[in-house]
């Protein structure tokens, strides 16, 4: 894959999402687990959770479950 330094990445780590939302990692994991924020799991076991940038934007713009 080609490096595109000026293009935003399509997916974020839980840490990156937590930083952008100004909340804890455990909150982001909970929001992903309950389906409030769409996420994908990479690999089996300890592959990690990734959050599509569009899913995070949808959540911030009111696309998530109402509080």
Protein backbone atom coordinates (compact mmCIF):
# COMPACT_ATOMS: atom_id res chain seq x y z
CA UNK A 1 0.00 0.00 0.00
CA UNK A 2 1.22 3.51 -0.76
CA UNK A 3 1.82 6.01 2.01
CA UNK A 4 -0.55 8.95 1.85
CA UNK A 5 0.68 11.29 4.58
CA UNK A 6 -1.96 13.96 3.92
CA UNK A 7 -4.91 11.58 3.78
CA UNK A 8 -6.67 10.69 7.05
CA UNK A 9 -6.60 7.01 7.95
CA UNK A 10 -9.81 5.09 7.36
CA UNK A 11 -9.72 3.31 10.72
CA UNK A 12 -8.72 4.35 14.22
CA UNK A 13 -7.42 2.41 17.18
CA UNK A 14 -9.37 2.44 20.44
CA UNK A 15 -6.72 4.75 21.92
CA UNK A 16 -7.05 7.20 19.03
CA UNK A 17 -10.86 7.18 19.27
CA UNK A 18 -10.70 7.72 23.05
CA UNK A 19 -8.37 10.69 22.54
CA UNK A 20 -10.68 12.23 19.93
CA UNK A 21 -13.74 11.73 22.15
CA UNK A 22 -11.93 12.83 25.32
CA UNK A 23 -12.98 9.70 27.15
CA UNK A 24 -11.40 6.51 28.47
CA UNK A 25 -10.47 3.45 26.46
CA UNK A 26 -12.93 1.39 28.51
CA UNK A 27 -15.75 3.74 27.45
CA UNK A 28 -14.83 3.28 23.79
CA UNK A 29 -14.67 -0.51 24.22
CA UNK A 30 -18.11 -0.46 25.87
CA UNK A 31 -19.59 1.70 23.09
CA UNK A 32 -18.20 -0.72 20.51
CA UNK A 33 -19.31 -3.81 22.42
CA UNK A 34 -22.92 -2.61 22.77
CA UNK A 35 -23.07 -1.52 19.12
CA UNK A 36 -23.32 2.23 19.78
CA UNK A 37 -20.18 2.72 17.66
CA UNK A 38 -19.57 0.36 14.75
CA UNK A 39 -16.23 -1.40 14.95
CA UNK A 40 -14.30 -4.26 13.40
CA UNK A 41 -12.13 -6.86 15.08
CA UNK A 42 -8.87 -7.70 13.33
CA UNK A 43 -7.72 -11.29 13.48
CA UNK A 44 -8.53 -13.90 16.08
CA UNK A 45 -7.74 -13.47 19.74
CA UNK A 46 -5.66 -10.37 20.40
CA UNK A 47 -6.06 -8.89 16.91
CA UNK A 48 -7.49 -5.65 18.18
CA UNK A 49 -10.51 -3.47 17.58
CA UNK A 50 -10.54 -0.79 14.91
CA UNK A 51 -13.15 1.90 14.49
CA UNK A 52 -13.94 3.20 11.02
CA UNK A 53 -13.52 6.98 10.95
CA UNK A 54 -17.00 7.29 9.41
CA UNK A 55 -18.50 5.33 12.33
CA UNK A 56 -16.92 7.69 14.85
CA UNK A 57 -18.16 10.71 12.87
CA UNK A 58 -21.68 9.18 12.76
CA UNK A 59 -21.61 8.74 16.54
CA UNK A 60 -20.44 12.30 17.17
CA UNK A 61 -23.08 13.66 14.78
CA UNK A 62 -25.87 11.92 16.67
CA UNK A 63 -25.93 8.63 14.83
CA UNK A 64 -25.32 6.70 18.05
CA UNK A 65 -27.77 5.79 20.76
CA UNK A 66 -29.30 8.87 22.41
CA UNK A 67 -27.98 9.66 25.88
